[in-house]
mmCIF file of all heavy atoms, coordinates in Angstrom:
data_MODEL
# 
_entry.id   MODEL 
# 
loop_
_atom_site.group_PDB 
_atom_site.id 
_atom_site.type_symbol 
_atom_site.label_atom_id 
_atom_site.label_alt_id 
_atom_site.label_comp_id 
_atom_site.label_asym_id 
_atom_site.label_entity_id 
_atom_site.label_seq_id 
_atom_site.pdbx_PDB_ins_code 
_atom_site.Cartn_x 
_atom_site.Cartn_y 
_atom_site.Cartn_z 
_atom_site.occupancy 
_atom_site.B_iso_or_equiv 
_atom_site.pdbx_formal_charge 
_atom_site.auth_seq_id 
_atom_site.auth_comp_id 
_atom_site.auth_asym_id 
_atom_site.auth_atom_id 
_atom_site.pdbx_PDB_model_num 
ATOM 1   N N   . GLU A 1 1  ? 0.813  -1.143  0.012   1.00 0.00 ? 1  GLU A N   1 
ATOM 2   C CA  . GLU A 1 1  ? -0.006 0.002   0.018   1.00 0.00 ? 1  GLU A CA  1 
ATOM 3   C C   . GLU A 1 1  ? 0.882  1.200   0.011   1.00 0.00 ? 1  GLU A C   1 
ATOM 4   O O   . GLU A 1 1  ? 1.895  1.329   0.746   1.00 0.00 ? 1  GLU A O   1 
ATOM 5   C CB  . GLU A 1 1  ? -0.918 0.064   1.268   1.00 0.00 ? 1  GLU A CB  1 
ATOM 6   C CG  . GLU A 1 1  ? -1.891 -1.151  1.394   1.00 0.00 ? 1  GLU A CG  1 
ATOM 7   C CD  . GLU A 1 1  ? -2.974 -1.016  0.327   1.00 0.00 ? 1  GLU A CD  1 
ATOM 8   O OE1 . GLU A 1 1  ? -3.303 0.088   -0.194  1.00 0.00 ? 1  GLU A OE1 1 
ATOM 9   O OE2 . GLU A 1 1  ? -3.702 -2.092  0.066   1.00 0.00 ? 1  GLU A OE2 1 
ATOM 10  N N   . PHE A 1 2  ? 0.647  2.232   -0.853  1.00 0.00 ? 2  PHE A N   1 
ATOM 11  C CA  . PHE A 1 2  ? 1.197  3.512   -0.793  1.00 0.00 ? 2  PHE A CA  1 
ATOM 12  C C   . PHE A 1 2  ? 1.042  4.050   0.592   1.00 0.00 ? 2  PHE A C   1 
ATOM 13  O O   . PHE A 1 2  ? -0.048 3.939   1.200   1.00 0.00 ? 2  PHE A O   1 
ATOM 14  C CB  . PHE A 1 2  ? 0.722  4.492   -1.908  1.00 0.00 ? 2  PHE A CB  1 
ATOM 15  C CG  . PHE A 1 2  ? 1.194  4.277   -3.185  1.00 0.00 ? 2  PHE A CG  1 
ATOM 16  C CD1 . PHE A 1 2  ? 0.398  3.767   -4.255  1.00 0.00 ? 2  PHE A CD1 1 
ATOM 17  C CD2 . PHE A 1 2  ? 2.573  4.465   -3.550  1.00 0.00 ? 2  PHE A CD2 1 
ATOM 18  C CE1 . PHE A 1 2  ? 0.862  3.543   -5.517  1.00 0.00 ? 2  PHE A CE1 1 
ATOM 19  C CE2 . PHE A 1 2  ? 3.020  4.249   -4.814  1.00 0.00 ? 2  PHE A CE2 1 
ATOM 20  C CZ  . PHE A 1 2  ? 2.247  3.782   -5.718  1.00 0.00 ? 2  PHE A CZ  1 
ATOM 21  N N   . GLY A 1 3  ? 2.109  4.641   1.154   1.00 0.00 ? 3  GLY A N   1 
ATOM 22  C CA  . GLY A 1 3  ? 2.005  5.315   2.465   1.00 0.00 ? 3  GLY A CA  1 
ATOM 23  C C   . GLY A 1 3  ? 2.395  4.433   3.595   1.00 0.00 ? 3  GLY A C   1 
ATOM 24  O O   . GLY A 1 3  ? 2.513  4.802   4.780   1.00 0.00 ? 3  GLY A O   1 
ATOM 25  N N   . ASP A 1 4  ? 2.667  3.045   3.312   1.00 0.00 ? 4  ASP A N   1 
ATOM 26  C CA  . ASP A 1 4  ? 3.065  2.139   4.336   1.00 0.00 ? 4  ASP A CA  1 
ATOM 27  C C   . ASP A 1 4  ? 4.538  2.194   4.684   1.00 0.00 ? 4  ASP A C   1 
ATOM 28  O O   . ASP A 1 4  ? 5.402  1.603   3.967   1.00 0.00 ? 4  ASP A O   1 
ATOM 29  C CB  . ASP A 1 4  ? 2.664  0.700   3.867   1.00 0.00 ? 4  ASP A CB  1 
ATOM 30  C CG  . ASP A 1 4  ? 2.940  -0.327  4.959   1.00 0.00 ? 4  ASP A CG  1 
ATOM 31  O OD1 . ASP A 1 4  ? 3.467  -0.054  6.021   1.00 0.00 ? 4  ASP A OD1 1 
ATOM 32  O OD2 . ASP A 1 4  ? 2.705  -1.520  4.707   1.00 0.00 ? 4  ASP A OD2 1 
ATOM 33  N N   . ALA A 1 5  ? 4.826  3.053   5.696   1.00 0.00 ? 5  ALA A N   1 
ATOM 34  C CA  . ALA A 1 5  ? 6.252  3.262   6.036   1.00 0.00 ? 5  ALA A CA  1 
ATOM 35  C C   . ALA A 1 5  ? 6.808  1.995   6.664   1.00 0.00 ? 5  ALA A C   1 
ATOM 36  O O   . ALA A 1 5  ? 8.037  1.641   6.433   1.00 0.00 ? 5  ALA A O   1 
ATOM 37  C CB  . ALA A 1 5  ? 6.390  4.398   7.004   1.00 0.00 ? 5  ALA A CB  1 
ATOM 38  N N   . ASP A 1 6  ? 6.133  1.412   7.565   1.00 0.00 ? 6  ASP A N   1 
ATOM 39  C CA  . ASP A 1 6  ? 6.613  0.143   8.263   1.00 0.00 ? 6  ASP A CA  1 
ATOM 40  C C   . ASP A 1 6  ? 6.893  -0.911  7.224   1.00 0.00 ? 6  ASP A C   1 
ATOM 41  O O   . ASP A 1 6  ? 7.919  -1.692  7.231   1.00 0.00 ? 6  ASP A O   1 
ATOM 42  C CB  . ASP A 1 6  ? 5.682  -0.349  9.280   1.00 0.00 ? 6  ASP A CB  1 
ATOM 43  C CG  . ASP A 1 6  ? 5.541  0.625   10.495  1.00 0.00 ? 6  ASP A CG  1 
ATOM 44  O OD1 . ASP A 1 6  ? 6.491  1.412   10.641  1.00 0.00 ? 6  ASP A OD1 1 
ATOM 45  O OD2 . ASP A 1 6  ? 4.548  0.579   11.124  1.00 0.00 ? 6  ASP A OD2 1 
ATOM 46  N N   . GLY A 1 7  ? 6.021  -0.997  6.203   1.00 0.00 ? 7  GLY A N   1 
ATOM 47  C CA  . GLY A 1 7  ? 6.101  -2.038  5.203   1.00 0.00 ? 7  GLY A CA  1 
ATOM 48  C C   . GLY A 1 7  ? 7.320  -1.801  4.380   1.00 0.00 ? 7  GLY A C   1 
ATOM 49  O O   . GLY A 1 7  ? 7.941  -2.763  3.832   1.00 0.00 ? 7  GLY A O   1 
ATOM 50  N N   . LEU A 1 8  ? 7.700  -0.520  4.123   1.00 0.00 ? 8  LEU A N   1 
ATOM 51  C CA  . LEU A 1 8  ? 8.827  -0.152  3.306   1.00 0.00 ? 8  LEU A CA  1 
ATOM 52  C C   . LEU A 1 8  ? 10.036 -0.780  3.949   1.00 0.00 ? 8  LEU A C   1 
ATOM 53  O O   . LEU A 1 8  ? 10.970 -1.360  3.232   1.00 0.00 ? 8  LEU A O   1 
ATOM 54  C CB  . LEU A 1 8  ? 8.894  1.295   3.226   1.00 0.00 ? 8  LEU A CB  1 
ATOM 55  C CG  . LEU A 1 8  ? 9.937  1.844   2.294   1.00 0.00 ? 8  LEU A CG  1 
ATOM 56  C CD1 . LEU A 1 8  ? 9.761  1.590   0.828   1.00 0.00 ? 8  LEU A CD1 1 
ATOM 57  C CD2 . LEU A 1 8  ? 10.202 3.362   2.527   1.00 0.00 ? 8  LEU A CD2 1 
ATOM 58  N N   . VAL A 1 9  ? 10.222 -0.613  5.243   1.00 0.00 ? 9  VAL A N   1 
ATOM 59  C CA  . VAL A 1 9  ? 11.401 -1.178  6.004   1.00 0.00 ? 9  VAL A CA  1 
ATOM 60  C C   . VAL A 1 9  ? 11.419 -2.779  5.922   1.00 0.00 ? 9  VAL A C   1 
ATOM 61  O O   . VAL A 1 9  ? 12.420 -3.330  5.683   1.00 0.00 ? 9  VAL A O   1 
ATOM 62  C CB  . VAL A 1 9  ? 11.350 -0.747  7.373   1.00 0.00 ? 9  VAL A CB  1 
ATOM 63  C CG1 . VAL A 1 9  ? 12.389 -1.421  8.176   1.00 0.00 ? 9  VAL A CG1 1 
ATOM 64  C CG2 . VAL A 1 9  ? 11.532 0.760   7.550   1.00 0.00 ? 9  VAL A CG2 1 
ATOM 65  N N   . GLU A 1 10 ? 10.264 -3.290  6.106   1.00 0.00 ? 10 GLU A N   1 
ATOM 66  C CA  . GLU A 1 10 ? 10.126 -4.808  6.037   1.00 0.00 ? 10 GLU A CA  1 
ATOM 67  C C   . GLU A 1 10 ? 10.569 -5.315  4.547   1.00 0.00 ? 10 GLU A C   1 
ATOM 68  O O   . GLU A 1 10 ? 11.200 -6.333  4.487   1.00 0.00 ? 10 GLU A O   1 
ATOM 69  C CB  . GLU A 1 10 ? 8.757  -5.271  6.293   1.00 0.00 ? 10 GLU A CB  1 
ATOM 70  C CG  . GLU A 1 10 ? 8.333  -5.128  7.714   1.00 0.00 ? 10 GLU A CG  1 
ATOM 71  C CD  . GLU A 1 10 ? 9.213  -5.977  8.708   1.00 0.00 ? 10 GLU A CD  1 
ATOM 72  O OE1 . GLU A 1 10 ? 9.565  -7.090  8.247   1.00 0.00 ? 10 GLU A OE1 1 
ATOM 73  O OE2 . GLU A 1 10 ? 9.643  -5.470  9.732   1.00 0.00 ? 10 GLU A OE2 1 
ATOM 74  N N   . LEU A 1 11 ? 10.034 -4.578  3.551   1.00 0.00 ? 11 LEU A N   1 
ATOM 75  C CA  . LEU A 1 11 ? 10.445 -4.998  2.174   1.00 0.00 ? 11 LEU A CA  1 
ATOM 76  C C   . LEU A 1 11 ? 11.903 -4.927  1.917   1.00 0.00 ? 11 LEU A C   1 
ATOM 77  O O   . LEU A 1 11 ? 12.371 -5.718  0.983   1.00 0.00 ? 11 LEU A O   1 
ATOM 78  C CB  . LEU A 1 11 ? 9.606  -4.135  1.111   1.00 0.00 ? 11 LEU A CB  1 
ATOM 79  C CG  . LEU A 1 11 ? 8.107  -4.429  1.044   1.00 0.00 ? 11 LEU A CG  1 
ATOM 80  C CD1 . LEU A 1 11 ? 7.389  -3.489  0.176   1.00 0.00 ? 11 LEU A CD1 1 
ATOM 81  C CD2 . LEU A 1 11 ? 7.858  -5.882  0.594   1.00 0.00 ? 11 LEU A CD2 1 
ATOM 82  N N   . ALA A 1 12 ? 12.644 -3.971  2.517   1.00 0.00 ? 12 ALA A N   1 
ATOM 83  C CA  . ALA A 1 12 ? 14.083 -3.983  2.338   1.00 0.00 ? 12 ALA A CA  1 
ATOM 84  C C   . ALA A 1 12 ? 14.749 -5.261  2.740   1.00 0.00 ? 12 ALA A C   1 
ATOM 85  O O   . ALA A 1 12 ? 15.625 -5.842  1.947   1.00 0.00 ? 12 ALA A O   1 
ATOM 86  C CB  . ALA A 1 12 ? 14.658 -2.777  3.059   1.00 0.00 ? 12 ALA A CB  1 
ATOM 87  N N   . THR A 1 13 ? 14.424 -5.688  3.928   1.00 0.00 ? 13 THR A N   1 
ATOM 88  C CA  . THR A 1 13 ? 14.964 -6.945  4.377   1.00 0.00 ? 13 THR A CA  1 
ATOM 89  C C   . THR A 1 13 ? 14.544 -8.111  3.566   1.00 0.00 ? 13 THR A C   1 
ATOM 90  O O   . THR A 1 13 ? 15.303 -9.029  3.182   1.00 0.00 ? 13 THR A O   1 
ATOM 91  C CB  . THR A 1 13 ? 14.597 -7.195  5.849   1.00 0.00 ? 13 THR A CB  1 
ATOM 92  O OG1 . THR A 1 13 ? 15.001 -6.097  6.610   1.00 0.00 ? 13 THR A OG1 1 
ATOM 93  C CG2 . THR A 1 13 ? 15.166 -8.465  6.392   1.00 0.00 ? 13 THR A CG2 1 
ATOM 94  N N   . GLN A 1 14 ? 13.287 -8.186  3.171   1.00 0.00 ? 14 GLN A N   1 
ATOM 95  C CA  . GLN A 1 14 ? 12.747 -9.296  2.359   1.00 0.00 ? 14 GLN A CA  1 
ATOM 96  C C   . GLN A 1 14 ? 13.413 -9.413  0.971   1.00 0.00 ? 14 GLN A C   1 
ATOM 97  O O   . GLN A 1 14 ? 13.749 -10.427 0.477   1.00 0.00 ? 14 GLN A O   1 
ATOM 98  C CB  . GLN A 1 14 ? 11.304 -9.222  2.268   1.00 0.00 ? 14 GLN A CB  1 
ATOM 99  C CG  . GLN A 1 14 ? 10.469 -9.522  3.492   1.00 0.00 ? 14 GLN A CG  1 
ATOM 100 C CD  . GLN A 1 14 ? 8.974  -9.339  3.329   1.00 0.00 ? 14 GLN A CD  1 
ATOM 101 O OE1 . GLN A 1 14 ? 8.477  -9.208  2.257   1.00 0.00 ? 14 GLN A OE1 1 
ATOM 102 N NE2 . GLN A 1 14 ? 8.236  -9.320  4.547   1.00 0.00 ? 14 GLN A NE2 1 
ATOM 103 N N   . THR A 1 15 ? 13.651 -8.205  0.453   1.00 0.00 ? 15 THR A N   1 
ATOM 104 C CA  . THR A 1 15 ? 14.277 -8.104  -0.948  1.00 0.00 ? 15 THR A CA  1 
ATOM 105 C C   . THR A 1 15 ? 15.721 -8.617  -0.800  1.00 0.00 ? 15 THR A C   1 
ATOM 106 O O   . THR A 1 15 ? 16.132 -9.491  -1.655  1.00 0.00 ? 15 THR A O   1 
ATOM 107 C CB  . THR A 1 15 ? 14.296 -6.759  -1.477  1.00 0.00 ? 15 THR A CB  1 
ATOM 108 O OG1 . THR A 1 15 ? 12.856 -6.263  -1.520  1.00 0.00 ? 15 THR A OG1 1 
ATOM 109 C CG2 . THR A 1 15 ? 14.871 -6.673  -2.898  1.00 0.00 ? 15 THR A CG2 1 
ATOM 110 N N   . ALA A 1 16 ? 16.481 -8.215  0.105   1.00 0.00 ? 16 ALA A N   1 
ATOM 111 C CA  . ALA A 1 16 ? 17.875 -8.587  0.255   1.00 0.00 ? 16 ALA A CA  1 
ATOM 112 C C   . ALA A 1 16 ? 18.038 -10.148 0.404   1.00 0.00 ? 16 ALA A C   1 
ATOM 113 O O   . ALA A 1 16 ? 19.009 -10.725 -0.052  1.00 0.00 ? 16 ALA A O   1 
ATOM 114 C CB  . ALA A 1 16 ? 18.573 -7.783  1.283   1.00 0.00 ? 16 ALA A CB  1 
ATOM 115 N N   . HIS A 1 17 ? 17.127 -10.650 1.148   1.00 0.00 ? 17 HIS A N   1 
ATOM 116 C CA  . HIS A 1 17 ? 17.186 -12.140 1.437   1.00 0.00 ? 17 HIS A CA  1 
ATOM 117 C C   . HIS A 1 17 ? 16.303 -12.976 0.539   1.00 0.00 ? 17 HIS A C   1 
ATOM 118 O O   . HIS A 1 17 ? 16.147 -14.166 0.632   1.00 0.00 ? 17 HIS A O   1 
ATOM 119 C CB  . HIS A 1 17 ? 16.756 -12.331 2.860   1.00 0.00 ? 17 HIS A CB  1 
ATOM 120 C CG  . HIS A 1 17 ? 17.665 -11.737 3.887   1.00 0.00 ? 17 HIS A CG  1 
ATOM 121 N ND1 . HIS A 1 17 ? 18.979 -12.316 4.065   1.00 0.00 ? 17 HIS A ND1 1 
ATOM 122 C CD2 . HIS A 1 17 ? 17.691 -10.713 4.669   1.00 0.00 ? 17 HIS A CD2 1 
ATOM 123 C CE1 . HIS A 1 17 ? 19.605 -11.532 4.992   1.00 0.00 ? 17 HIS A CE1 1 
ATOM 124 N NE2 . HIS A 1 17 ? 18.863 -10.618 5.370   1.00 0.00 ? 17 HIS A NE2 1 
ATOM 125 N N   . ARG A 1 18 ? 15.669 -12.306 -0.494  1.00 0.00 ? 18 ARG A N   1 
ATOM 126 C CA  . ARG A 1 18 ? 14.781 -12.936 -1.389  1.00 0.00 ? 18 ARG A CA  1 
ATOM 127 C C   . ARG A 1 18 ? 13.760 -13.778 -0.737  1.00 0.00 ? 18 ARG A C   1 
ATOM 128 O O   . ARG A 1 18 ? 13.471 -14.964 -1.034  1.00 0.00 ? 18 ARG A O   1 
ATOM 129 C CB  . ARG A 1 18 ? 15.626 -13.811 -2.466  1.00 0.00 ? 18 ARG A CB  1 
ATOM 130 C CG  . ARG A 1 18 ? 16.272 -13.075 -3.472  1.00 0.00 ? 18 ARG A CG  1 
ATOM 131 C CD  . ARG A 1 18 ? 16.887 -13.876 -4.546  1.00 0.00 ? 18 ARG A CD  1 
ATOM 132 N NE  . ARG A 1 18 ? 17.408 -13.140 -5.703  1.00 0.00 ? 18 ARG A NE  1 
ATOM 133 C CZ  . ARG A 1 18 ? 16.758 -12.904 -6.792  1.00 0.00 ? 18 ARG A CZ  1 
ATOM 134 N NH1 . ARG A 1 18 ? 15.496 -13.234 -6.923  1.00 0.00 ? 18 ARG A NH1 1 
ATOM 135 N NH2 . ARG A 1 18 ? 17.275 -12.193 -7.851  1.00 0.00 ? 18 ARG A NH2 1 
ATOM 136 N N   . GLU A 1 19 ? 13.058 -13.203 0.324   1.00 0.00 ? 19 GLU A N   1 
ATOM 137 C CA  . GLU A 1 19 ? 12.050 -13.827 1.037   1.00 0.00 ? 19 GLU A CA  1 
ATOM 138 C C   . GLU A 1 19 ? 10.593 -13.346 0.589   1.00 0.00 ? 19 GLU A C   1 
ATOM 139 O O   . GLU A 1 19 ? 10.453 -12.092 0.441   1.00 0.00 ? 19 GLU A O   1 
ATOM 140 C CB  . GLU A 1 19 ? 12.180 -13.576 2.508   1.00 0.00 ? 19 GLU A CB  1 
ATOM 141 C CG  . GLU A 1 19 ? 13.469 -14.087 3.051   1.00 0.00 ? 19 GLU A CG  1 
ATOM 142 C CD  . GLU A 1 19 ? 13.725 -13.660 4.515   1.00 0.00 ? 19 GLU A CD  1 
ATOM 143 O OE1 . GLU A 1 19 ? 13.001 -12.644 4.886   1.00 0.00 ? 19 GLU A OE1 1 
ATOM 144 O OE2 . GLU A 1 19 ? 14.581 -14.194 5.186   1.00 0.00 ? 19 GLU A OE2 1 
ATOM 145 N N   . GLY A 1 20 ? 9.658  -14.194 0.401   1.00 0.00 ? 20 GLY A N   1 
ATOM 146 C CA  . GLY A 1 20 ? 8.356  -13.794 0.028   1.00 0.00 ? 20 GLY A CA  1 
ATOM 147 C C   . GLY A 1 20 ? 8.320  -12.965 -1.167  1.00 0.00 ? 20 GLY A C   1 
ATOM 148 O O   . GLY A 1 20 ? 8.971  -13.356 -2.208  1.00 0.00 ? 20 GLY A O   1 
ATOM 149 N N   . PHE A 1 21 ? 7.542  -11.910 -1.184  1.00 0.00 ? 21 PHE A N   1 
ATOM 150 C CA  . PHE A 1 21 ? 7.556  -11.041 -2.369  1.00 0.00 ? 21 PHE A CA  1 
ATOM 151 C C   . PHE A 1 21 ? 8.789  -10.328 -2.710  1.00 0.00 ? 21 PHE A C   1 
ATOM 152 O O   . PHE A 1 21 ? 9.053  -9.826  -3.751  1.00 0.00 ? 21 PHE A O   1 
ATOM 153 C CB  . PHE A 1 21 ? 6.362  -10.047 -2.261  1.00 0.00 ? 21 PHE A CB  1 
ATOM 154 C CG  . PHE A 1 21 ? 5.989  -9.288  -3.572  1.00 0.00 ? 21 PHE A CG  1 
ATOM 155 C CD1 . PHE A 1 21 ? 5.346  -9.927  -4.550  1.00 0.00 ? 21 PHE A CD1 1 
ATOM 156 C CD2 . PHE A 1 21 ? 6.287  -8.005  -3.654  1.00 0.00 ? 21 PHE A CD2 1 
ATOM 157 C CE1 . PHE A 1 21 ? 5.184  -9.287  -5.697  1.00 0.00 ? 21 PHE A CE1 1 
ATOM 158 C CE2 . PHE A 1 21 ? 5.996  -7.267  -4.831  1.00 0.00 ? 21 PHE A CE2 1 
ATOM 159 C CZ  . PHE A 1 21 ? 5.384  -7.972  -5.881  1.00 0.00 ? 21 PHE A CZ  1 
ATOM 160 N N   . GLY A 1 22 ? 9.670  -10.316 -1.669  1.00 0.00 ? 22 GLY A N   1 
ATOM 161 C CA  . GLY A 1 22 ? 10.964 -9.761  -1.896  1.00 0.00 ? 22 GLY A CA  1 
ATOM 162 C C   . GLY A 1 22 ? 11.746 -10.479 -2.934  1.00 0.00 ? 22 GLY A C   1 
ATOM 163 O O   . GLY A 1 22 ? 12.616 -9.792  -3.639  1.00 0.00 ? 22 GLY A O   1 
ATOM 164 N N   . ASP A 1 23 ? 11.526 -11.735 -3.262  1.00 0.00 ? 23 ASP A N   1 
ATOM 165 C CA  . ASP A 1 23 ? 12.102 -12.412 -4.283  1.00 0.00 ? 23 ASP A CA  1 
ATOM 166 C C   . ASP A 1 23 ? 11.752 -11.931 -5.675  1.00 0.00 ? 23 ASP A C   1 
ATOM 167 O O   . ASP A 1 23 ? 12.606 -11.803 -6.565  1.00 0.00 ? 23 ASP A O   1 
ATOM 168 C CB  . ASP A 1 23 ? 11.724 -13.948 -4.247  1.00 0.00 ? 23 ASP A CB  1 
ATOM 169 C CG  . ASP A 1 23 ? 12.519 -14.826 -5.130  1.00 0.00 ? 23 ASP A CG  1 
ATOM 170 O OD1 . ASP A 1 23 ? 13.768 -14.585 -5.271  1.00 0.00 ? 23 ASP A OD1 1 
ATOM 171 O OD2 . ASP A 1 23 ? 11.974 -15.821 -5.616  1.00 0.00 ? 23 ASP A OD2 1 
ATOM 172 N N   . ASP A 1 24 ? 10.498 -11.402 -5.776  1.00 0.00 ? 24 ASP A N   1 
ATOM 173 C CA  . ASP A 1 24 ? 10.112 -10.715 -7.038  1.00 0.00 ? 24 ASP A CA  1 
ATOM 174 C C   . ASP A 1 24 ? 10.660 -9.396  -7.225  1.00 0.00 ? 24 ASP A C   1 
ATOM 175 O O   . ASP A 1 24 ? 11.113 -9.009  -8.295  1.00 0.00 ? 24 ASP A O   1 
ATOM 176 C CB  . ASP A 1 24 ? 8.497  -10.663 -7.000  1.00 0.00 ? 24 ASP A CB  1 
ATOM 177 C CG  . ASP A 1 24 ? 7.886  -12.058 -6.969  1.00 0.00 ? 24 ASP A CG  1 
ATOM 178 O OD1 . ASP A 1 24 ? 7.660  -12.670 -8.030  1.00 0.00 ? 24 ASP A OD1 1 
ATOM 179 O OD2 . ASP A 1 24 ? 7.468  -12.431 -5.833  1.00 0.00 ? 24 ASP A OD2 1 
ATOM 180 N N   . LEU A 1 25 ? 10.695 -8.659  -6.070  1.00 0.00 ? 25 LEU A N   1 
ATOM 181 C CA  . LEU A 1 25 ? 11.312 -7.303  -6.090  1.00 0.00 ? 25 LEU A CA  1 
ATOM 182 C C   . LEU A 1 25 ? 12.845 -7.329  -6.437  1.00 0.00 ? 25 LEU A C   1 
ATOM 183 O O   . LEU A 1 25 ? 13.265 -6.476  -7.150  1.00 0.00 ? 25 LEU A O   1 
ATOM 184 C CB  . LEU A 1 25 ? 11.092 -6.591  -4.727  1.00 0.00 ? 25 LEU A CB  1 
ATOM 185 C CG  . LEU A 1 25 ? 9.626  -6.283  -4.326  1.00 0.00 ? 25 LEU A CG  1 
ATOM 186 C CD1 . LEU A 1 25 ? 9.622  -5.789  -2.906  1.00 0.00 ? 25 LEU A CD1 1 
ATOM 187 C CD2 . LEU A 1 25 ? 9.047  -5.268  -5.301  1.00 0.00 ? 25 LEU A CD2 1 
ATOM 188 N N   . ALA A 1 26 ? 13.466 -8.481  -6.024  1.00 0.00 ? 26 ALA A N   1 
ATOM 189 C CA  . ALA A 1 26 ? 14.920 -8.529  -6.341  1.00 0.00 ? 26 ALA A CA  1 
ATOM 190 C C   . ALA A 1 26 ? 15.267 -8.631  -7.739  1.00 0.00 ? 26 ALA A C   1 
ATOM 191 O O   . ALA A 1 26 ? 16.472 -8.405  -8.121  1.00 0.00 ? 26 ALA A O   1 
ATOM 192 C CB  . ALA A 1 26 ? 15.435 -9.816  -5.559  1.00 0.00 ? 26 ALA A CB  1 
ATOM 193 N N   . GLU A 1 27 ? 14.220 -8.840  -8.573  1.00 0.00 ? 27 GLU A N   1 
ATOM 194 C CA  . GLU A 1 27 ? 14.580 -8.878  -10.039 1.00 0.00 ? 27 GLU A CA  1 
ATOM 195 C C   . GLU A 1 27 ? 14.555 -7.570  -10.736 1.00 0.00 ? 27 GLU A C   1 
ATOM 196 O O   . GLU A 1 27 ? 14.804 -7.401  -11.853 1.00 0.00 ? 27 GLU A O   1 
ATOM 197 C CB  . GLU A 1 27 ? 13.564 -9.834  -10.807 1.00 0.00 ? 27 GLU A CB  1 
ATOM 198 C CG  . GLU A 1 27 ? 13.711 -11.249 -10.325 1.00 0.00 ? 27 GLU A CG  1 
ATOM 199 C CD  . GLU A 1 27 ? 15.024 -11.876 -10.826 1.00 0.00 ? 27 GLU A CD  1 
ATOM 200 O OE1 . GLU A 1 27 ? 15.314 -11.838 -12.034 1.00 0.00 ? 27 GLU A OE1 1 
ATOM 201 O OE2 . GLU A 1 27 ? 15.923 -12.253 -10.013 1.00 0.00 ? 27 GLU A OE2 1 
# 
C-alpha cells in the first residue's frame, strides 16, 4: 500500500534475502 512506512522497511529486508514477495522485487 502506498504510504506504508513500516512495510517499506520490511520489504528492504525481504528483498535482500529474497524472502516472500522480496524475491520478485529482487529482479
